[in-house]
PDB file of all heavy atoms in Angstrom:
ATOM      1  N   TYR A   1     104.941 -18.069  27.636  1.00  0.00           N
ATOM      2  CA  TYR A   1     105.968 -18.916  27.081  1.00  0.00           C
ATOM      3  C   TYR A   1     106.756 -19.716  28.118  1.00  0.00           C
ATOM      4  O   TYR A   1     107.198 -20.820  27.934  1.00  0.00           O
ATOM      5  CB  TYR A   1     106.953 -18.094  26.169  1.00  0.00           C
ATOM      6  CG  TYR A   1     106.262 -17.511  24.973  1.00  0.00           C
ATOM      7  CD1 TYR A   1     105.930 -16.190  24.818  1.00  0.00           C
ATOM      8  CD2 TYR A   1     106.094 -18.307  23.803  1.00  0.00           C
ATOM      9  CE1 TYR A   1     105.381 -15.698  23.736  1.00  0.00           C
ATOM     10  CE2 TYR A   1     105.560 -17.806  22.698  1.00  0.00           C
ATOM     11  CZ  TYR A   1     105.168 -16.452  22.649  1.00  0.00           C
ATOM     12  OH  TYR A   1     104.584 -15.901  21.521  1.00  0.00           O
ATOM     13  N   ARG A   2     106.936 -19.034  29.281  1.00  0.00           N
ATOM     14  CA  ARG A   2     107.648 -19.702  30.392  1.00  0.00           C
ATOM     15  C   ARG A   2     107.009 -20.994  30.775  1.00  0.00           C
ATOM     16  O   ARG A   2     107.655 -21.988  30.828  1.00  0.00           O
ATOM     17  CB  ARG A   2     107.825 -18.798  31.531  1.00  0.00           C
ATOM     18  CG  ARG A   2     108.493 -19.316  32.713  1.00  0.00           C
ATOM     19  CD  ARG A   2     108.433 -18.433  33.971  1.00  0.00           C
ATOM     20  NE  ARG A   2     108.838 -17.107  33.624  1.00  0.00           N
ATOM     21  CZ  ARG A   2     108.547 -16.012  34.281  1.00  0.00           C
ATOM     22  NH1 ARG A   2     107.589 -16.150  35.296  1.00  0.00           N
ATOM     23  NH2 ARG A   2     108.979 -14.830  33.925  1.00  0.00           N
ATOM     24  N   THR A   3     105.726 -20.945  31.090  1.00  0.00           N
ATOM     25  CA  THR A   3     105.000 -22.114  31.489  1.00  0.00           C
ATOM     26  C   THR A   3     104.962 -23.107  30.431  1.00  0.00           C
ATOM     27  O   THR A   3     105.084 -24.332  30.731  1.00  0.00           O
ATOM     28  CB  THR A   3     103.612 -21.801  31.991  1.00  0.00           C
ATOM     29  OG1 THR A   3     103.722 -20.800  33.013  1.00  0.00           O
ATOM     30  CG2 THR A   3     102.822 -22.960  32.564  1.00  0.00           C
ATOM     31  N   GLU A   4     104.723 -22.646  29.220  1.00  0.00           N
ATOM     32  CA  GLU A   4     104.684 -23.616  28.066  1.00  0.00           C
ATOM     33  C   GLU A   4     105.960 -24.357  27.823  1.00  0.00           C
ATOM     34  O   GLU A   4     105.962 -25.559  27.585  1.00  0.00           O
ATOM     35  CB  GLU A   4     104.219 -22.849  26.814  1.00  0.00           C
ATOM     36  CG  GLU A   4     104.078 -23.668  25.589  1.00  0.00           C
ATOM     37  CD  GLU A   4     103.722 -22.960  24.345  1.00  0.00           C
ATOM     38  OE1 GLU A   4     103.413 -21.728  24.404  1.00  0.00           O
ATOM     39  OE2 GLU A   4     103.753 -23.563  23.219  1.00  0.00           O
ATOM     40  N   ALA A   5     107.058 -23.561  27.899  1.00  0.00           N
ATOM     41  CA  ALA A   5     108.376 -24.234  27.601  1.00  0.00           C
ATOM     42  C   ALA A   5     108.674 -25.209  28.757  1.00  0.00           C
ATOM     43  O   ALA A   5     109.243 -26.254  28.477  1.00  0.00           O
ATOM     44  CB  ALA A   5     109.366 -23.087  27.586  1.00  0.00           C
ATOM     45  N   ARG A   6     108.368 -24.886  29.946  1.00  0.00           N
ATOM     46  CA  ARG A   6     108.663 -25.804  31.114  1.00  0.00           C
ATOM     47  C   ARG A   6     107.859 -27.016  30.928  1.00  0.00           C
ATOM     48  O   ARG A   6     108.371 -28.117  31.184  1.00  0.00           O
ATOM     49  CB  ARG A   6     108.407 -25.067  32.393  1.00  0.00           C
ATOM     50  CG  ARG A   6     109.470 -24.038  32.916  1.00  0.00           C
ATOM     51  CD  ARG A   6     109.178 -23.519  34.165  1.00  0.00           C
ATOM     52  NE  ARG A   6     110.394 -23.102  34.853  1.00  0.00           N
ATOM     53  CZ  ARG A   6     110.575 -22.884  36.223  1.00  0.00           C
ATOM     54  NH1 ARG A   6     109.459 -23.116  36.926  1.00  0.00           N
ATOM     55  NH2 ARG A   6     111.638 -22.492  36.686  1.00  0.00           N
ATOM     56  N   GLY A   7     106.642 -26.847  30.532  1.00  0.00           N
ATOM     57  CA  GLY A   7     105.781 -28.045  30.337  1.00  0.00           C
ATOM     58  C   GLY A   7     106.340 -28.895  29.252  1.00  0.00           C
ATOM     59  O   GLY A   7     106.288 -30.225  29.352  1.00  0.00           O
ATOM     60  N   LEU A   8     106.725 -28.347  28.116  1.00  0.00           N
ATOM     61  CA  LEU A   8     107.244 -29.105  27.063  1.00  0.00           C
ATOM     62  C   LEU A   8     108.579 -29.842  27.454  1.00  0.00           C
ATOM     63  O   LEU A   8     108.711 -31.020  26.972  1.00  0.00           O
ATOM     64  CB  LEU A   8     107.464 -28.272  25.825  1.00  0.00           C
ATOM     65  CG  LEU A   8     106.269 -27.721  25.101  1.00  0.00           C
ATOM     66  CD1 LEU A   8     106.540 -26.629  24.029  1.00  0.00           C
ATOM     67  CD2 LEU A   8     105.468 -28.858  24.361  1.00  0.00           C
ATOM     68  N   LEU A   9     109.404 -29.199  28.100  1.00  0.00           N
ATOM     69  CA  LEU A   9     110.611 -29.891  28.561  1.00  0.00           C
ATOM     70  C   LEU A   9     110.305 -31.031  29.508  1.00  0.00           C
ATOM     71  O   LEU A   9     111.054 -32.022  29.442  1.00  0.00           O
ATOM     72  CB  LEU A   9     111.552 -28.785  29.216  1.00  0.00           C
ATOM     73  CG  LEU A   9     112.154 -27.714  28.337  1.00  0.00           C
ATOM     74  CD1 LEU A   9     112.790 -26.605  29.052  1.00  0.00           C
ATOM     75  CD2 LEU A   9     113.232 -28.278  27.383  1.00  0.00           C
ATOM     76  N   THR A  10     109.383 -30.796  30.431  1.00  0.00           N
ATOM     77  CA  THR A  10     108.976 -31.987  31.319  1.00  0.00           C
ATOM     78  C   THR A  10     108.445 -33.138  30.406  1.00  0.00           C
ATOM     79  O   THR A  10     108.767 -34.290  30.725  1.00  0.00           O
ATOM     80  CB  THR A  10     107.956 -31.435  32.328  1.00  0.00           C
ATOM     81  OG1 THR A  10     108.499 -30.400  33.058  1.00  0.00           O
ATOM     82  CG2 THR A  10     107.608 -32.565  33.329  1.00  0.00           C
ATOM     83  N   ARG A  11     107.570 -32.806  29.555  1.00  0.00           N
ATOM     84  CA  ARG A  11     107.073 -33.873  28.573  1.00  0.00           C
ATOM     85  C   ARG A  11     108.231 -34.653  27.840  1.00  0.00           C
ATOM     86  O   ARG A  11     108.120 -35.789  27.657  1.00  0.00           O
ATOM     87  CB  ARG A  11     106.043 -33.247  27.555  1.00  0.00           C
ATOM     88  CG  ARG A  11     104.702 -32.932  28.136  1.00  0.00           C
ATOM     89  CD  ARG A  11     103.817 -32.343  27.053  1.00  0.00           C
ATOM     90  NE  ARG A  11     103.955 -32.978  25.761  1.00  0.00           N
ATOM     91  CZ  ARG A  11     103.657 -32.467  24.669  1.00  0.00           C
ATOM     92  NH1 ARG A  11     103.242 -31.144  24.665  1.00  0.00           N
ATOM     93  NH2 ARG A  11     103.762 -33.176  23.539  1.00  0.00           N
ATOM     94  N   TYR A  12     109.259 -33.775  27.394  1.00  0.00           N
ATOM     95  CA  TYR A  12     110.303 -34.431  26.776  1.00  0.00           C
ATOM     96  C   TYR A  12     111.068 -35.472  27.574  1.00  0.00           C
ATOM     97  O   TYR A  12     111.354 -36.595  27.171  1.00  0.00           O
ATOM     98  CB  TYR A  12     111.311 -33.288  26.370  1.00  0.00           C
ATOM     99  CG  TYR A  12     112.519 -33.852  25.641  1.00  0.00           C
ATOM    100  CD1 TYR A  12     112.525 -34.111  24.266  1.00  0.00           C
ATOM    101  CD2 TYR A  12     113.741 -33.880  26.441  1.00  0.00           C
ATOM    102  CE1 TYR A  12     113.739 -34.672  23.732  1.00  0.00           C
ATOM    103  CE2 TYR A  12     114.885 -34.432  25.753  1.00  0.00           C
ATOM    104  CZ  TYR A  12     114.852 -34.869  24.461  1.00  0.00           C
ATOM    105  OH  TYR A  12     115.967 -35.295  23.877  1.00  0.00           O
ATOM    106  N   VAL A  13     111.367 -35.093  28.826  1.00  0.00           N
ATOM    107  CA  VAL A  13     112.133 -35.999  29.727  1.00  0.00           C
ATOM    108  C   VAL A  13     111.187 -37.210  30.059  1.00  0.00           C
ATOM    109  O   VAL A  13     111.739 -38.353  30.187  1.00  0.00           O
ATOM    110  CB  VAL A  13     112.542 -35.286  31.033  1.00  0.00           C
ATOM    111  CG1 VAL A  13     113.210 -36.225  31.985  1.00  0.00           C
ATOM    112  CG2 VAL A  13     113.489 -34.137  30.588  1.00  0.00           C
ATOM    113  N   GLU A  14     109.854 -36.994  30.283  1.00  0.00           N
ATOM    114  CA  GLU A  14     108.978 -38.088  30.512  1.00  0.00           C
ATOM    115  C   GLU A  14     109.025 -39.058  29.329  1.00  0.00           C
ATOM    116  O   GLU A  14     108.979 -40.299  29.590  1.00  0.00           O
ATOM    117  CB  GLU A  14     107.608 -37.582  30.830  1.00  0.00           C
ATOM    118  CG  GLU A  14     107.487 -36.846  32.157  1.00  0.00           C
ATOM    119  CD  GLU A  14     106.036 -36.241  32.392  1.00  0.00           C
ATOM    120  OE1 GLU A  14     105.417 -35.941  31.355  1.00  0.00           O
ATOM    121  OE2 GLU A  14     105.690 -35.939  33.478  1.00  0.00           O
ATOM    122  N   ALA A  15     108.973 -38.580  28.072  1.00  0.00           N
ATOM    123  CA  ALA A  15     109.031 -39.410  26.967  1.00  0.00           C
ATOM    124  C   ALA A  15     110.316 -40.192  26.814  1.00  0.00           C
ATOM    125  O   ALA A  15     110.295 -41.358  26.617  1.00  0.00           O
ATOM    126  CB  ALA A  15     108.721 -38.576  25.705  1.00  0.00           C
ATOM    127  N   ARG A  16     111.369 -39.453  27.209  1.00  0.00           N
ATOM    128  CA  ARG A  16     112.727 -40.219  27.125  1.00  0.00           C
ATOM    129  C   ARG A  16     112.806 -41.335  28.192  1.00  0.00           C
ATOM    130  O   ARG A  16     113.514 -42.269  28.025  1.00  0.00           O
ATOM    131  CB  ARG A  16     113.803 -39.190  27.346  1.00  0.00           C
ATOM    132  CG  ARG A  16     114.085 -38.318  26.276  1.00  0.00           C
ATOM    133  CD  ARG A  16     114.881 -38.940  25.159  1.00  0.00           C
ATOM    134  NE  ARG A  16     116.260 -39.046  25.576  1.00  0.00           N
ATOM    135  CZ  ARG A  16     116.742 -40.221  25.929  1.00  0.00           C
ATOM    136  NH1 ARG A  16     116.097 -41.312  25.895  1.00  0.00           N
ATOM    137  NH2 ARG A  16     118.044 -40.213  26.303  1.00  0.00           N
ATOM    138  N   LEU A  17     112.117 -41.149  29.250  1.00  0.00           N
ATOM    139  CA  LEU A  17     112.153 -42.194  30.377  1.00  0.00           C
ATOM    140  C   LEU A  17     110.966 -43.187  30.278  1.00  0.00           C
ATOM    141  O   LEU A  17     111.013 -44.187  30.997  1.00  0.00           O
ATOM    142  CB  LEU A  17     112.067 -41.482  31.768  1.00  0.00           C
ATOM    143  CG  LEU A  17     113.294 -40.658  32.243  1.00  0.00           C
ATOM    144  CD1 LEU A  17     112.945 -39.811  33.455  1.00  0.00           C
ATOM    145  CD2 LEU A  17     114.489 -41.486  32.357  1.00  0.00           C
ATOM    146  N   ASP A  18     110.077 -43.053  29.364  1.00  0.00           N
ATOM    147  CA  ASP A  18     108.975 -43.903  29.323  1.00  0.00           C
ATOM    148  C   ASP A  18     109.461 -45.367  28.838  1.00  0.00           C
ATOM    149  O   ASP A  18     109.939 -45.431  27.753  1.00  0.00           O
ATOM    150  CB  ASP A  18     107.879 -43.429  28.255  1.00  0.00           C
ATOM    151  CG  ASP A  18     106.615 -44.202  28.311  1.00  0.00           C
ATOM    152  OD1 ASP A  18     106.575 -45.332  28.788  1.00  0.00           O
ATOM    153  OD2 ASP A  18     105.607 -43.676  27.743  1.00  0.00           O
ATOM    154  N   PRO A  19     109.316 -46.314  29.714  1.00  0.00           N
ATOM    155  CA  PRO A  19     109.795 -47.645  29.278  1.00  0.00           C
ATOM    156  C   PRO A  19     109.134 -48.292  28.065  1.00  0.00           C
ATOM    157  O   PRO A  19     109.825 -49.007  27.406  1.00  0.00           O
ATOM    158  CB  PRO A  19     109.574 -48.484  30.518  1.00  0.00           C
ATOM    159  CG  PRO A  19     108.487 -47.812  31.378  1.00  0.00           C
ATOM    160  CD  PRO A  19     108.640 -46.350  30.942  1.00  0.00           C
ATOM    161  N   GLN A  20     107.989 -47.813  27.775  1.00  0.00           N
ATOM    162  CA  GLN A  20     107.187 -48.376  26.615  1.00  0.00           C
ATOM    163  C   GLN A  20     107.681 -47.809  25.299  1.00  0.00           C
ATOM    164  O   GLN A  20     107.388 -48.273  24.278  1.00  0.00           O
ATOM    165  CB  GLN A  20     105.780 -48.104  26.759  1.00  0.00           C
ATOM    166  CG  GLN A  20     105.113 -48.829  27.973  1.00  0.00           C
ATOM    167  CD  GLN A  20     103.592 -48.677  28.043  1.00  0.00           C
ATOM    168  OE1 GLN A  20     103.053 -47.796  27.350  1.00  0.00           O
ATOM    169  NE2 GLN A  20     102.981 -49.392  28.946  1.00  0.00           N
ATOM    170  N   LEU A  21     108.445 -46.670  25.457  1.00  0.00           N
ATOM    171  CA  LEU A  21     108.972 -45.907  24.278  1.00  0.00           C
ATOM    172  C   LEU A  21     110.439 -46.168  24.052  1.00  0.00           C
ATOM    173  O   LEU A  21     110.955 -45.571  23.142  1.00  0.00           O
ATOM    174  CB  LEU A  21     108.688 -44.404  24.386  1.00  0.00           C
ATOM    175  CG  LEU A  21     107.201 -43.942  24.349  1.00  0.00           C
ATOM    176  CD1 LEU A  21     107.066 -42.469  24.599  1.00  0.00           C
ATOM    177  CD2 LEU A  21     106.586 -44.372  23.083  1.00  0.00           C
ATOM    178  N   ARG A  22     111.041 -46.927  24.921  1.00  0.00           N
ATOM    179  CA  ARG A  22     112.488 -47.157  24.906  1.00  0.00           C
ATOM    180  C   ARG A  22     112.813 -48.604  24.456  1.00  0.00           C
ATOM    181  O   ARG A  22     113.815 -49.074  24.863  1.00  0.00           O
ATOM    182  CB  ARG A  22     113.144 -46.862  26.254  1.00  0.00           C
ATOM    183  CG  ARG A  22     113.087 -45.385  26.560  1.00  0.00           C
ATOM    184  CD  ARG A  22     113.659 -45.126  27.948  1.00  0.00           C
ATOM    185  NE  ARG A  22     114.975 -45.620  28.181  1.00  0.00           N
ATOM    186  CZ  ARG A  22     115.415 -46.460  28.992  1.00  0.00           C
ATOM    187  NH1 ARG A  22     114.494 -46.965  29.902  1.00  0.00           N
ATOM    188  NH2 ARG A  22     116.569 -46.918  29.146  1.00  0.00           N
ATOM    189  N   THR A  23     112.017 -49.175  23.620  1.00  0.00           N
ATOM    190  CA  THR A  23     112.262 -50.436  23.018  1.00  0.00           C
ATOM    191  C   THR A  23     112.482 -50.329  21.555  1.00  0.00           C
ATOM    192  O   THR A  23     112.274 -49.244  20.958  1.00  0.00           O
ATOM    193  CB  THR A  23     111.060 -51.387  23.251  1.00  0.00           C
ATOM    194  OG1 THR A  23     109.886 -50.942  22.571  1.00  0.00           O
ATOM    195  CG2 THR A  23     110.812 -51.513  24.787  1.00  0.00           C
ATOM    196  N   ARG A  24     113.062 -51.410  20.970  1.00  0.00           N
ATOM    197  CA  ARG A  24     113.270 -51.360  19.539  1.00  0.00           C
ATOM    198  C   ARG A  24     112.009 -51.079  18.700  1.00  0.00           C
ATOM    199  O   ARG A  24     111.959 -50.305  17.670  1.00  0.00           O
ATOM    200  CB  ARG A  24     113.869 -52.597  19.084  1.00  0.00           C
ATOM    201  CG  ARG A  24     115.307 -52.900  19.774  1.00  0.00           C
ATOM    202  CD  ARG A  24     115.903 -54.256  19.371  1.00  0.00           C
ATOM    203  NE  ARG A  24     117.105 -54.484  20.099  1.00  0.00           N
ATOM    204  CZ  ARG A  24     117.810 -55.631  19.998  1.00  0.00           C
ATOM    205  NH1 ARG A  24     117.359 -56.524  19.100  1.00  0.00           N
ATOM    206  NH2 ARG A  24     118.920 -55.790  20.611  1.00  0.00           N
ATOM    207  N   ALA A  25     110.920 -51.772  19.163  1.00  0.00           N
ATOM    208  CA  ALA A  25     109.646 -51.664  18.434  1.00  0.00           C
ATOM    209  C   ALA A  25     109.082 -50.221  18.482  1.00  0.00           C
ATOM    210  O   ALA A  25     108.382 -49.922  17.521  1.00  0.00           O
ATOM    211  CB  ALA A  25     108.726 -52.658  18.953  1.00  0.00           C
ATOM    212  N   THR A  26     109.289 -49.528  19.478  1.00  0.00           N
ATOM    213  CA  THR A  26     108.622 -48.207  19.635  1.00  0.00           C
ATOM    214  C   THR A  26     109.636 -47.006  19.404  1.00  0.00           C
ATOM    215  O   THR A  26     109.376 -45.918  19.718  1.00  0.00           O
ATOM    216  CB  THR A  26     108.109 -48.053  21.090  1.00  0.00           C
ATOM    217  OG1 THR A  26     109.047 -48.281  22.065  1.00  0.00           O
ATOM    218  CG2 THR A  26     106.924 -49.088  21.257  1.00  0.00           C
ATOM    219  N   PHE A  27     110.852 -47.330  18.820  1.00  0.00           N
ATOM    220  CA  PHE A  27     111.822 -46.359  18.626  1.00  0.00           C
ATOM    221  C   PHE A  27     111.271 -45.194  17.706  1.00  0.00           C
ATOM    222  O   PHE A  27     111.633 -44.084  17.892  1.00  0.00           O
ATOM    223  CB  PHE A  27     113.126 -46.975  18.148  1.00  0.00           C
ATOM    224  CG  PHE A  27     114.223 -45.998  18.082  1.00  0.00           C
ATOM    225  CD1 PHE A  27     115.019 -45.748  19.240  1.00  0.00           C
ATOM    226  CD2 PHE A  27     114.626 -45.391  16.965  1.00  0.00           C
ATOM    227  CE1 PHE A  27     116.136 -44.907  19.198  1.00  0.00           C
ATOM    228  CE2 PHE A  27     115.747 -44.544  16.876  1.00  0.00           C
ATOM    229  CZ  PHE A  27     116.485 -44.288  17.998  1.00  0.00           C
ATOM    230  N   ARG A  28     110.550 -45.611  16.771  1.00  0.00           N
ATOM    231  CA  ARG A  28     110.045 -44.652  15.802  1.00  0.00           C
ATOM    232  C   ARG A  28     109.122 -43.642  16.494  1.00  0.00           C
ATOM    233  O   ARG A  28     109.119 -42.406  16.272  1.00  0.00           O
ATOM    234  CB  ARG A  28     109.205 -45.318  14.651  1.00  0.00           C
ATOM    235  CG  ARG A  28     108.707 -44.391  13.621  1.00  0.00           C
ATOM    236  CD  ARG A  28     107.794 -45.177  12.697  1.00  0.00           C
ATOM    237  NE  ARG A  28     108.596 -46.071  11.923  1.00  0.00           N
ATOM    238  CZ  ARG A  28     109.150 -45.820  10.760  1.00  0.00           C
ATOM    239  NH1 ARG A  28     109.067 -44.578  10.296  1.00  0.00           N
ATOM    240  NH2 ARG A  28     109.834 -46.778  10.055  1.00  0.00           N
ATOM    241  N   GLU A  29     108.235 -44.216  17.383  1.00  0.00           N
ATOM    242  CA  GLU A  29     107.278 -43.437  18.072  1.00  0.00           C
ATOM    243  C   GLU A  29     108.002 -42.390  19.021  1.00  0.00           C
ATOM    244  O   GLU A  29     107.645 -41.171  19.103  1.00  0.00           O
ATOM    245  CB  GLU A  29     106.327 -44.236  18.908  1.00  0.00           C
ATOM    246  CG  GLU A  29     105.185 -43.477  19.597  1.00  0.00           C
ATOM    247  CD  GLU A  29     104.275 -44.407  20.373  1.00  0.00           C
ATOM    248  OE1 GLU A  29     104.363 -45.582  20.206  1.00  0.00           O
ATOM    249  OE2 GLU A  29     103.458 -43.831  21.194  1.00  0.00           O
ATOM    250  N   LEU A  30     109.075 -42.844  19.720  1.00  0.00           N
ATOM    251  CA  LEU A  30     109.772 -41.913  20.642  1.00  0.00           C
ATOM    252  C   LEU A  30     110.472 -40.836  19.751  1.00  0.00           C
ATOM    253  O   LEU A  30     110.492 -39.670  20.183  1.00  0.00           O
ATOM    254  CB  LEU A  30     110.829 -42.720  21.344  1.00  0.00           C
ATOM    255  CG  LEU A  30     111.829 -41.962  22.194  1.00  0.00           C
ATOM    256  CD1 LEU A  30     111.106 -41.171  23.280  1.00  0.00           C
ATOM    257  CD2 LEU A  30     112.863 -42.762  22.739  1.00  0.00           C
ATOM    258  N   LEU A  31     110.948 -41.154  18.601  1.00  0.00           N
ATOM    259  CA  LEU A  31     111.579 -40.199  17.748  1.00  0.00           C
ATOM    260  C   LEU A  31     110.681 -39.088  17.278  1.00  0.00           C
ATOM    261  O   LEU A  31     110.957 -37.923  17.271  1.00  0.00           O
ATOM    262  CB  LEU A  31     112.248 -40.884  16.553  1.00  0.00           C
ATOM    263  CG  LEU A  31     113.048 -39.926  15.565  1.00  0.00           C
ATOM    264  CD1 LEU A  31     114.262 -39.383  16.312  1.00  0.00           C
ATOM    265  CD2 LEU A  31     113.606 -40.781  14.359  1.00  0.00           C
ATOM    266  N   VAL A  32     109.431 -39.505  16.883  1.00  0.00           N
ATOM    267  CA  VAL A  32     108.436 -38.574  16.497  1.00  0.00           C
ATOM    268  C   VAL A  32     108.037 -37.652  17.685  1.00  0.00           C
ATOM    269  O   VAL A  32     107.880 -36.393  17.500  1.00  0.00           O
ATOM    270  CB  VAL A  32     107.219 -39.299  15.945  1.00  0.00           C
ATOM    271  CG1 VAL A  32     106.067 -38.332  15.729  1.00  0.00           C
ATOM    272  CG2 VAL A  32     107.481 -40.073  14.707  1.00  0.00           C
ATOM    273  N   ILE A  33     107.844 -38.205  18.892  1.00  0.00           N
ATOM    274  CA  ILE A  33     107.357 -37.378  19.935  1.00  0.00           C
ATOM    275  C   ILE A  33     108.553 -36.325  20.365  1.00  0.00           C
ATOM    276  O   ILE A  33     108.251 -35.142  20.478  1.00  0.00           O
ATOM    277  CB  ILE A  33     107.152 -38.287  21.154  1.00  0.00           C
ATOM    278  CG1 ILE A  33     105.920 -39.029  20.897  1.00  0.00           C
ATOM    279  CG2 ILE A  33     106.969 -37.421  22.471  1.00  0.00           C
ATOM    280  CD1 ILE A  33     105.616 -40.164  22.056  1.00  0.00           C
ATOM    281  N   THR A  34     109.780 -36.787  20.430  1.00  0.00           N
ATOM    282  CA  THR A  34     110.875 -35.815  20.821  1.00  0.00           C
ATOM    283  C   THR A  34     111.077 -34.761  19.733  1.00  0.00           C
ATOM    284  O   THR A  34     111.268 -33.576  20.113  1.00  0.00           O
ATOM    285  CB  THR A  34     112.125 -36.652  21.107  1.00  0.00           C
ATOM    286  OG1 THR A  34     112.518 -37.419  19.945  1.00  0.00           O
ATOM    287  CG2 THR A  34     112.000 -37.509  22.285  1.00  0.00           C
ATOM    288  N   GLN A  35     110.947 -35.166  18.494  1.00  0.00           N
ATOM    289  CA  GLN A  35     111.169 -34.109  17.479  1.00  0.00           C
ATOM    290  C   GLN A  35     110.071 -33.168  17.448  1.00  0.00           C
ATOM    291  O   GLN A  35     110.232 -31.973  17.168  1.00  0.00           O
ATOM    292  CB  GLN A  35     111.335 -34.844  16.118  1.00  0.00           C
ATOM    293  CG  GLN A  35     112.717 -35.518  15.916  1.00  0.00           C
ATOM    294  CD  GLN A  35     112.781 -36.177  14.559  1.00  0.00           C
ATOM    295  OE1 GLN A  35     111.835 -36.413  13.801  1.00  0.00           O
ATOM    296  NE2 GLN A  35     114.061 -36.396  14.101  1.00  0.00           N
ATOM    297  N   GLY A  36     108.848 -33.616  17.735  1.00  0.00           N
ATOM    298  CA  GLY A  36     107.673 -32.719  17.784  1.00  0.00           C
ATOM    299  C   GLY A  36     107.818 -31.726  18.919  1.00  0.00           C
ATOM    300  O   GLY A  36     107.459 -30.518  18.764  1.00  0.00           O
ATOM    301  N   ILE A  37     108.306 -32.125  20.064  1.00  0.00           N
ATOM    302  CA  ILE A  37     108.556 -31.209  21.210  1.00  0.00           C
ATOM    303  C   ILE A  37     109.655 -30.198  20.819  1.00  0.00           C
ATOM    304  O   ILE A  37     109.569 -29.047  21.186  1.00  0.00           O
ATOM    305  CB  ILE A  37     108.987 -32.054  22.448  1.00  0.00           C
ATOM    306  CG1 ILE A  37     107.792 -32.885  22.973  1.00  0.00           C
ATOM    307  CG2 ILE A  37     109.297 -31.127  23.574  1.00  0.00           C
ATOM    308  CD1 ILE A  37     108.064 -33.774  24.058  1.00  0.00           C
ATOM    309  N   HIS A  38     110.671 -30.676  20.200  1.00  0.00           N
ATOM    310  CA  HIS A  38     111.755 -29.745  19.712  1.00  0.00           C
ATOM    311  C   HIS A  38     111.134 -28.644  18.779  1.00  0.00           C
ATOM    312  O   HIS A  38     111.551 -27.428  19.014  1.00  0.00           O
ATOM    313  CB  HIS A  38     112.813 -30.469  19.016  1.00  0.00           C
ATOM    314  CG  HIS A  38     113.702 -31.266  19.892  1.00  0.00           C
ATOM    315  ND1 HIS A  38     114.458 -32.299  19.466  1.00  0.00           N
ATOM    316  CD2 HIS A  38     113.838 -31.248  21.234  1.00  0.00           C
ATOM    317  CE1 HIS A  38     115.184 -32.868  20.455  1.00  0.00           C
ATOM    318  NE2 HIS A  38     114.868 -32.348  21.591  1.00  0.00           N
ATOM    319  N   ASP A  39     110.290 -29.015  17.876  1.00  0.00           N
ATOM    320  CA  ASP A  39     109.677 -28.108  16.957  1.00  0.00           C
ATOM    321  C   ASP A  39     108.849 -27.057  17.740  1.00  0.00           C
ATOM    322  O   ASP A  39     108.869 -25.893  17.441  1.00  0.00           O
ATOM    323  CB  ASP A  39     108.870 -28.807  15.939  1.00  0.00           C
ATOM    324  CG  ASP A  39     109.664 -29.720  15.016  1.00  0.00           C
ATOM    325  OD1 ASP A  39     111.014 -29.409  14.917  1.00  0.00           O
ATOM    326  OD2 ASP A  39     109.189 -30.622  14.396  1.00  0.00           O
ATOM    327  N   GLU A  40     108.111 -27.608  18.682  1.00  0.00           N
ATOM    328  CA  GLU A  40     107.258 -26.581  19.442  1.00  0.00           C
ATOM    329  C   GLU A  40     108.071 -25.554  20.255  1.00  0.00           C
ATOM    330  O   GLU A  40     107.792 -24.416  20.333  1.00  0.00           O
ATOM    331  CB  GLU A  40     106.338 -27.387  20.324  1.00  0.00           C
ATOM    332  CG  GLU A  40     105.298 -28.208  19.622  1.00  0.00           C
ATOM    333  CD  GLU A  40     104.280 -28.881  20.624  1.00  0.00           C
ATOM    334  OE1 GLU A  40     103.752 -28.109  21.460  1.00  0.00           O
ATOM    335  OE2 GLU A  40     104.150 -30.061  20.534  1.00  0.00           O
ATOM    336  N   LEU A  41     109.138 -26.131  20.867  1.00  0.00           N
ATOM    337  CA  LEU A  41     110.047 -25.231  21.697  1.00  0.00           C
ATOM    338  C   LEU A  41     110.708 -24.183  20.767  1.00  0.00           C
ATOM    339  O   LEU A  41     110.876 -23.060  21.084  1.00  0.00           O
ATOM    340  CB  LEU A  41     111.058 -26.138  22.419  1.00  0.00           C
ATOM    341  CG  LEU A  41     110.621 -26.878  23.633  1.00  0.00           C
ATOM    342  CD1 LEU A  41     111.725 -27.884  24.085  1.00  0.00           C
ATOM    343  CD2 LEU A  41     110.246 -25.975  24.787  1.00  0.00           C
ATOM    344  N   TRP A  42     111.182 -24.643  19.632  1.00  0.00           N
ATOM    345  CA  TRP A  42     111.855 -23.765  18.776  1.00  0.00           C
ATOM    346  C   TRP A  42     110.918 -22.745  18.095  1.00  0.00           C
ATOM    347  O   TRP A  42     111.307 -21.518  17.951  1.00  0.00           O
ATOM    348  CB  TRP A  42     112.603 -24.521  17.668  1.00  0.00           C
ATOM    349  CG  TRP A  42     113.590 -23.709  16.924  1.00  0.00           C
ATOM    350  CD1 TRP A  42     113.408 -23.085  15.626  1.00  0.00           C
ATOM    351  CD2 TRP A  42     114.809 -23.245  17.301  1.00  0.00           C
ATOM    352  NE1 TRP A  42     114.468 -22.368  15.292  1.00  0.00           N
ATOM    353  CE2 TRP A  42     115.396 -22.410  16.352  1.00  0.00           C
ATOM    354  CE3 TRP A  42     115.566 -23.492  18.418  1.00  0.00           C
ATOM    355  CZ2 TRP A  42     116.653 -21.866  16.477  1.00  0.00           C
ATOM    356  CZ3 TRP A  42     116.806 -22.813  18.588  1.00  0.00           C
ATOM    357  CH2 TRP A  42     117.388 -22.058  17.612  1.00  0.00           C
ATOM    358  N   LYS A  43     109.668 -23.122  17.861  1.00  0.00           N
ATOM    359  CA  LYS A  43     108.753 -22.228  17.265  1.00  0.00           C
ATOM    360  C   LYS A  43     108.455 -21.097  18.349  1.00  0.00           C
ATOM    361  O   LYS A  43     108.366 -19.901  17.952  1.00  0.00           O
ATOM    362  CB  LYS A  43     107.524 -22.916  17.050  1.00  0.00           C
ATOM    363  CG  LYS A  43     106.334 -22.043  16.432  1.00  0.00           C
ATOM    364  CD  LYS A  43     105.132 -22.823  16.078  1.00  0.00           C
ATOM    365  CE  LYS A  43     104.028 -21.936  15.575  1.00  0.00           C
ATOM    366  NZ  LYS A  43     102.764 -22.752  15.231  1.00  0.00           N
ATOM    367  N   GLY A  44     108.270 -21.479  19.651  1.00  0.00           N
ATOM    368  CA  GLY A  44     108.073 -20.478  20.636  1.00  0.00           C
ATOM    369  C   GLY A  44     109.254 -19.543  20.761  1.00  0.00           C
ATOM    370  O   GLY A  44     109.037 -18.325  20.929  1.00  0.00           O
TER     371      GLY A  44
END
């Protein structure tokens, strides 16, 4: 769980910083990715 959680948290920050996901057109995609990571972290 330790390695998995750290990997998911890193993916979360990378998604938040991805310039292609921080535009108005891709806001939906960013929201889906971050919520999916939250679900995985909480499940673990």
